[in-house]
Protein backbone atom coordinates (compact mmCIF):
# COMPACT_ATOMS: atom_id res chain seq x y z
CA MET A 1 179.45 -36.46 -16.63
CA GLU A 2 178.45 -33.15 -15.12
CA SER A 3 176.51 -32.86 -11.91
CA ALA A 4 174.18 -30.12 -10.79
CA PRO A 5 173.10 -29.03 -7.30
CA LEU A 6 169.38 -29.32 -6.80
CA GLY A 7 168.96 -27.30 -3.62
CA ARG A 8 165.99 -28.46 -1.56
CA VAL A 9 164.23 -31.49 -2.93
CA ARG A 10 160.48 -31.35 -2.44
CA VAL A 11 158.41 -34.47 -2.85
CA ARG A 12 154.63 -34.44 -2.55
CA ARG A 13 153.21 -37.62 -1.09
CA ASP A 14 149.72 -39.05 -1.47
CA ASN A 15 148.71 -37.65 1.92
CA ASN A 16 149.74 -34.11 0.87
CA TRP A 17 152.75 -33.93 3.13
CA ARG A 18 155.96 -32.51 1.74
CA VAL A 19 159.49 -33.74 2.40
CA GLU A 20 162.21 -31.11 2.40
CA ARG A 21 165.60 -32.72 2.06
CA TYR A 22 169.12 -31.43 2.25
CA PRO A 23 170.92 -30.05 -0.84
CA GLN A 24 172.16 -32.89 -2.98
CA THR A 25 174.24 -33.25 -6.09
CA VAL A 26 172.78 -35.60 -8.65
CA VAL A 27 174.84 -37.00 -11.49
CA ALA A 28 173.11 -37.58 -14.82
CA LEU A 29 173.00 -41.37 -15.28
CA ASP A 30 171.31 -43.78 -17.61
CA ALA A 31 168.76 -46.24 -16.26
CA ASP A 32 171.22 -49.15 -16.02
CA SER A 33 173.73 -47.03 -14.07
CA VAL A 34 171.03 -45.84 -11.69
CA GLU A 35 169.91 -49.40 -11.03
CA ALA A 36 173.50 -50.56 -10.50
CA ARG A 37 174.10 -47.81 -7.96
CA GLN A 38 170.88 -48.62 -6.14
CA VAL A 39 171.88 -52.28 -5.88
CA ALA A 40 175.38 -51.42 -4.68
CA LEU A 41 174.12 -48.92 -2.12
CA ARG A 42 171.50 -51.31 -0.79
CA HIS A 43 174.19 -53.87 -0.06
CA ALA A 44 176.56 -51.20 1.27
CA LEU A 45 173.89 -50.05 3.71
CA GLU A 46 173.22 -53.59 4.90
CA ILE A 47 176.94 -54.13 5.49
CA ALA A 48 177.32 -50.79 7.29
CA ILE A 49 174.44 -51.56 9.66
CA ARG A 50 175.76 -55.06 10.34
CA ASP A 51 179.53 -54.48 10.44
CA GLY A 52 179.99 -50.72 10.75
CA LEU A 53 181.57 -48.36 8.23
CA ASP A 54 184.93 -50.15 8.42
CA GLY A 55 183.25 -53.19 6.91
CA VAL A 56 182.24 -51.30 3.79
CA ASP A 57 184.69 -51.39 0.91
CA LEU A 58 184.51 -52.01 -2.82
CA ASP A 59 185.27 -55.73 -2.57
CA THR A 60 182.77 -56.53 0.19
CA VAL A 61 179.97 -54.67 -1.56
CA ARG A 62 180.87 -56.17 -4.94
CA ASN A 63 180.89 -59.67 -3.44
CA ALA A 64 177.60 -59.08 -1.63
CA ALA A 65 175.94 -57.91 -4.84
CA GLY A 66 177.31 -60.88 -6.73
CA ALA A 67 175.87 -61.60 -10.16
CA THR A 68 173.28 -58.84 -9.84
CA LEU A 69 175.95 -56.33 -10.90
CA VAL A 70 177.59 -56.86 -14.25
CA ALA A 71 179.72 -53.73 -13.83
CA PHE A 72 180.42 -52.28 -10.40
CA PRO A 73 179.38 -48.58 -10.46
CA TYR A 74 182.01 -47.19 -8.05
CA GLN A 75 185.74 -46.94 -8.69
CA GLU A 76 186.86 -45.48 -5.36
CA ARG A 77 185.81 -46.29 -1.81
CA GLU A 78 185.45 -42.59 -1.02
CA GLU A 79 182.91 -42.20 -3.82
CA LEU A 80 180.96 -45.17 -2.49
CA MET A 81 181.03 -43.85 1.08
CA LEU A 82 179.78 -40.41 0.09
CA ALA A 83 176.94 -41.97 -1.87
CA LEU A 84 176.12 -44.15 1.14
CA LEU A 85 176.08 -41.10 3.41
CA ASP A 86 173.66 -39.40 1.01
CA VAL A 87 171.35 -42.39 1.29
CA VAL A 88 171.49 -42.36 5.09
CA LEU A 89 170.81 -38.61 5.25
CA ALA A 90 167.96 -38.77 2.75
CA ARG A 91 166.26 -41.49 4.79
CA THR A 92 166.65 -39.82 8.17
CA LEU A 93 166.98 -36.03 7.95
CA ASN A 94 163.67 -35.04 6.47
CA ALA A 95 161.09 -32.77 8.06
CA GLU A 96 157.50 -33.13 6.98
CA ARG A 97 154.76 -30.50 7.11
CA ASP A 98 151.19 -30.35 5.87
CA ILE A 99 150.84 -27.83 3.03
CA SER A 100 147.51 -29.00 1.66
CA SER A 101 145.63 -25.87 2.78
CA GLY A 102 148.33 -23.36 3.69
CA ARG A 103 147.02 -23.18 7.27
CA ARG A 104 149.41 -22.89 10.20
CA GLU A 105 147.93 -24.98 12.94
CA ARG A 106 149.26 -24.29 16.41
CA LEU A 107 150.01 -27.93 17.08
CA GLU A 108 151.65 -28.45 13.71
CA LEU A 109 155.20 -28.25 15.01
CA GLY A 110 154.38 -30.51 17.94
CA ASP A 111 152.93 -33.05 15.55
CA MET A 112 156.08 -32.81 13.44
CA LEU A 113 158.23 -33.42 16.50
CA ALA A 114 156.21 -36.46 17.48
CA ALA A 115 156.52 -37.87 13.96
CA GLU A 116 160.27 -37.19 13.87
CA MET A 117 160.83 -38.91 17.22
CA GLU A 118 158.97 -41.94 15.99
CA GLY A 119 161.15 -41.86 12.88
CA LEU A 120 164.29 -41.71 15.03
CA ARG A 121 163.17 -44.73 17.00
CA ARG A 122 162.21 -46.67 13.87
CA GLN A 123 165.45 -45.84 12.07
CA ALA A 124 167.86 -45.99 15.00
CA PRO A 125 170.50 -47.99 13.05
CA LEU A 126 170.59 -45.32 10.33
CA VAL A 127 170.72 -42.51 12.88
CA GLU A 128 173.66 -44.22 14.52
CA LEU A 129 175.39 -44.33 11.14
CA ILE A 130 175.14 -40.53 10.90
CA PHE A 131 177.06 -40.20 14.16
CA THR A 132 179.55 -42.79 12.94
CA PHE A 133 180.08 -40.90 9.69
CA TYR A 134 180.54 -37.65 11.59
CA PHE A 135 183.35 -39.00 13.74
CA ALA A 136 184.84 -41.33 11.13
CA ARG A 137 187.24 -38.75 9.74
CA SER A 138 189.03 -35.71 11.11
CA ASP A 139 188.53 -33.68 7.91
CA GLN A 140 185.32 -32.07 6.71
CA LEU A 141 184.43 -34.50 3.92
CA TYR A 142 181.52 -36.12 5.75
CA ARG A 143 180.91 -33.36 8.28
CA ARG A 144 180.20 -30.75 5.62
CA ARG A 145 177.51 -32.95 4.06
CA ILE A 146 175.95 -33.65 7.44
CA GLY A 147 176.04 -29.95 8.28
CA GLU A 148 174.20 -29.10 5.06
CA ALA A 149 171.60 -31.73 5.87
CA LEU A 150 171.06 -30.36 9.38
CA SER A 151 170.77 -26.80 8.06
CA THR A 152 168.01 -27.75 5.64
CA TYR A 153 166.38 -29.85 8.33
CA ARG A 154 166.32 -26.80 10.62
CA ARG A 155 164.92 -24.56 7.87
CA ALA A 156 162.05 -26.96 7.34
CA PHE A 157 161.01 -26.59 10.98
CA GLU A 158 161.54 -22.83 10.83
CA SER A 159 159.30 -22.54 7.76
CA ALA A 160 156.55 -24.39 9.63
CA LEU A 161 156.47 -21.47 12.10
CA SER A 162 156.05 -18.78 9.45
CA GLY A 163 153.11 -16.55 10.35
CA VAL A 164 152.51 -18.25 13.69
CA GLU A 165 152.51 -16.21 16.89
CA LEU A 166 155.22 -17.50 19.18
CA ARG A 167 155.76 -17.09 22.89
CA ARG A 168 157.01 -13.67 23.89
CA GLY A 169 160.67 -13.15 23.10
CA MET A 170 160.95 -16.22 20.89
CA SER A 171 161.70 -16.20 17.17
CA ALA A 172 161.11 -18.88 14.56
CA SER A 173 164.88 -19.24 14.24
CA ALA A 174 165.34 -19.70 17.99
CA VAL A 175 162.53 -22.24 18.26
CA SER A 176 163.80 -24.24 15.28
CA ALA A 177 167.29 -24.30 16.84
CA ILE A 178 165.78 -25.66 20.06
CA VAL A 179 163.87 -28.26 18.07
CA ILE A 180 167.01 -29.49 16.34
CA ALA A 181 168.97 -29.59 19.61
CA PHE A 182 166.11 -31.56 21.17
CA LEU A 183 165.99 -34.05 18.31
CA GLN A 184 169.76 -34.49 18.36
CA GLY A 185 169.62 -35.24 22.08
CA ALA A 186 166.72 -37.62 21.51
CA ALA A 187 168.74 -39.39 18.82
CA VAL A 188 171.65 -39.91 21.20
CA GLN A 189 169.40 -41.28 23.92
CA ILE A 190 167.52 -43.56 21.53
CA ILE A 191 170.84 -45.04 20.45
CA ARG A 192 172.51 -45.25 23.88
CA ASP A 193 169.60 -45.79 26.28
CA PRO A 194 166.40 -46.55 24.35
CA ASP A 195 164.67 -48.24 27.29
CA ASN A 196 164.69 -45.02 29.33
CA PHE A 197 163.62 -42.68 26.56
CA VAL A 198 159.99 -41.63 27.06
CA PRO A 199 158.87 -39.65 23.99
CA ASP A 200 155.70 -38.24 25.61
CA GLU A 201 157.63 -36.78 28.54
CA ALA A 202 160.30 -35.29 26.30
CA LEU A 203 157.72 -33.82 23.94
CA ALA A 204 155.77 -32.31 26.84
CA ALA A 205 158.87 -30.38 27.91
CA VAL A 206 159.44 -29.00 24.42
CA ARG A 207 155.76 -28.13 23.94
CA ALA A 208 156.17 -25.55 26.72
CA LEU A 209 158.10 -23.46 24.20
CA LEU A 210 155.76 -24.04 21.29
CA PRO A 211 152.89 -21.85 20.08
CA GLY A 212 149.61 -22.20 21.94
CA SER A 213 151.16 -23.84 24.96
CA GLY A 214 149.62 -21.72 27.64
CA ASP A 215 150.74 -18.67 29.61
CA GLY A 216 153.87 -16.64 29.09
CA ARG A 217 153.42 -15.40 25.56
C-alpha cells in the first residue's frame, strides 16, 4: 500500500486551540488494520515505559496483546519501533496556540511555555523515551524523525510570534530557537532531577526575552 506525507497535521480542539505536529507518513489502512495497530502500539508503549526499548520486540508485544489481536500487524521489529516512535512524538512534541480570534497576545508565548512545561512533567516517561530513541542507534533512522519533529515544534512557536514586536535585536527565529533549547533543558532536568526543577523560576528567566517583558526593547 502506498503512503503519503501529510506535512503539518492541524487538529482543532473544542477549546479552539490548534495542535501542530511533525510531518508524518500515514499508510492507507482498513478499519481492522488500524485497530490492530493501535492495540499493538498501546502494548508496545506500555512495555517500553516499563522495560525500556530493549524490551520491545514482536514476540513480547504479540504476547502482551494476546487474543485481542487475531493477526499481528507488524512483520519487522524496525517497523514496529518506528511506529512506536511516531506515537511518542505525536504525544509529546506538539505546540498549541490560540487561533480563535487571530490576535497575538503578548503573553501568548509565555502561556505556551507554561503549558509545555506542564506537559513535560506530566509525560516524563514519554519524554525520556525520546532521548532513549535518539541514542538507541548510531545511524539516522530515529534521529531523522526526531529532528523533523523538533523542526515543526520550533516552527509552531515561531508562528506564534508572527506580527508581534520583539525585544530589540531579536527575531522570531532566534526567540523560537531559545524556546526549544529551554524546553530541551527542562526536559532533561525533569527526567534527571525533577525535585529541583522549579517551573516558575525557569519561566521567569525566559520571559525576560519575550515580548512585553519590560525594558530593553
